[in-house]
């Protein structure tokens, strides 16, 4: 499953997000290549390192679904064209929907 997303310039800081296949929860790729549900731990990538990280994430289809780039600041804050969608994904995975499910 993929969807068309805006192409980010190589020098634009970006992170990789996906859905954990088993749970449907939003996850982000950490700098070490592992996945996390904690948006504050996402890895920030640029240039060839970003392309290599996305290629590695795409090889993990099955564990995760539809990994893709999202624009972030150099500090890892969600920014750019898809800010609203990505901010909502971060909010719900960081306690909103997940917390209400456990209540």
Protein backbone atom coordinates (compact mmCIF):
# COMPACT_ATOMS: atom_id res chain seq x y z
CA UNK A 1 0.00 0.00 0.00
CA UNK A 2 1.47 3.33 -1.01
CA UNK A 3 0.22 6.80 -1.74
CA UNK A 4 1.71 9.70 -3.64
CA UNK A 5 3.56 12.13 -1.39
CA UNK A 6 5.50 15.29 -2.19
CA UNK A 7 9.14 14.76 -3.13
CA UNK A 8 11.48 16.29 -0.57
CA UNK A 9 14.84 17.75 -1.61
CA UNK A 10 17.88 15.73 -0.50
CA UNK A 11 19.01 18.44 1.92
CA UNK A 12 15.58 18.67 3.59
CA UNK A 13 15.61 17.02 7.03
CA UNK A 14 13.22 14.09 7.04
CA UNK A 15 12.11 11.16 9.10
CA UNK A 16 10.53 7.87 8.10
CA UNK A 17 7.15 6.87 9.40
CA UNK A 18 5.00 3.79 8.83
CA UNK A 19 2.31 1.70 10.45
CA UNK A 20 3.27 -1.30 12.54
CA UNK A 21 1.61 -4.13 10.62
CA UNK A 22 0.63 -6.23 13.65
CA UNK A 23 -1.06 -3.41 15.57
CA UNK A 24 -1.78 -0.64 13.06
CA UNK A 25 0.00 1.85 15.33
CA UNK A 26 2.09 4.68 13.93
CA UNK A 27 5.83 4.13 14.22
CA UNK A 28 8.92 6.14 13.35
CA UNK A 29 12.35 4.92 12.33
CA UNK A 30 15.02 5.72 14.90
CA UNK A 31 18.57 6.71 13.93
CA UNK A 32 19.75 3.16 14.81
CA UNK A 33 17.30 1.59 12.32
CA UNK A 34 14.82 0.26 14.88
CA UNK A 35 11.17 1.36 15.08
CA UNK A 36 9.54 3.32 17.90
CA UNK A 37 6.04 4.48 18.80
CA UNK A 38 7.63 7.46 20.60
CA UNK A 39 7.72 10.38 18.17
CA UNK A 40 10.36 12.10 20.31
CA UNK A 41 12.84 9.33 19.37
CA UNK A 42 12.50 9.58 15.57
CA UNK A 43 15.67 9.71 13.51
CA UNK A 44 16.43 12.73 11.31
CA UNK A 45 17.99 11.92 7.94
CA UNK A 46 19.25 13.90 4.92
CA UNK A 47 20.88 13.14 1.59
CA UNK A 48 22.13 9.64 0.82
CA UNK A 49 21.65 8.55 4.44
CA UNK A 50 17.93 9.31 4.11
CA UNK A 51 17.65 7.28 0.89
CA UNK A 52 19.52 4.36 2.49
CA UNK A 53 17.27 4.49 5.56
CA UNK A 54 14.13 4.46 3.42
CA UNK A 55 15.47 1.56 1.35
CA UNK A 56 16.13 -0.40 4.56
CA UNK A 57 12.65 0.46 5.87
CA UNK A 58 11.03 -0.72 2.64
CA UNK A 59 12.76 -4.09 3.10
CA UNK A 60 10.89 -4.40 6.40
CA UNK A 61 7.45 -4.45 4.75
CA UNK A 62 5.59 -7.06 6.75
CA UNK A 63 6.88 -5.75 10.07
CA UNK A 64 5.74 -2.28 8.99
CA UNK A 65 3.40 -1.07 6.26
CA UNK A 66 3.98 1.80 3.82
CA UNK A 67 7.13 3.46 5.19
CA UNK A 68 7.64 6.96 3.76
CA UNK A 69 9.48 10.23 4.30
CA UNK A 70 7.95 13.06 6.26
CA UNK A 71 9.49 16.48 6.62
CA UNK A 72 10.92 17.40 10.02
CA UNK A 73 13.13 20.15 11.41
CA UNK A 74 16.80 19.46 12.12
CA UNK A 75 15.73 18.93 15.75
CA UNK A 76 13.08 16.36 14.74
CA UNK A 77 9.94 18.51 15.05
CA UNK A 78 7.21 17.70 12.52
CA UNK A 79 7.05 20.42 9.87
CA UNK A 80 6.31 20.95 6.20
CA UNK A 81 3.41 20.33 3.87
CA UNK A 82 1.94 17.38 5.71
CA UNK A 83 2.22 18.93 9.16
CA UNK A 84 -1.44 18.50 10.09
CA UNK A 85 -1.63 14.81 9.18
CA UNK A 86 1.71 13.95 10.75
CA UNK A 87 0.94 15.98 13.87
CA UNK A 88 -2.33 14.09 14.32
CA UNK A 89 -0.57 10.76 13.85
CA UNK A 90 1.98 11.77 16.50
CA UNK A 91 -0.69 13.01 18.91
CA UNK A 92 -2.82 9.89 18.69
CA UNK A 93 0.10 7.51 18.97
CA UNK A 94 1.57 9.46 21.88
CA UNK A 95 -1.43 9.14 24.12
CA UNK A 96 -4.64 10.43 22.54
CA UNK A 97 -6.36 7.41 20.99
CA UNK A 98 -3.99 4.88 22.55
CA UNK A 99 -4.68 6.20 26.05
CA UNK A 100 -8.44 6.16 25.55
CA UNK A 101 -8.31 2.53 24.39
CA UNK A 102 -6.68 1.54 27.68
CA UNK A 103 -9.16 3.44 29.88
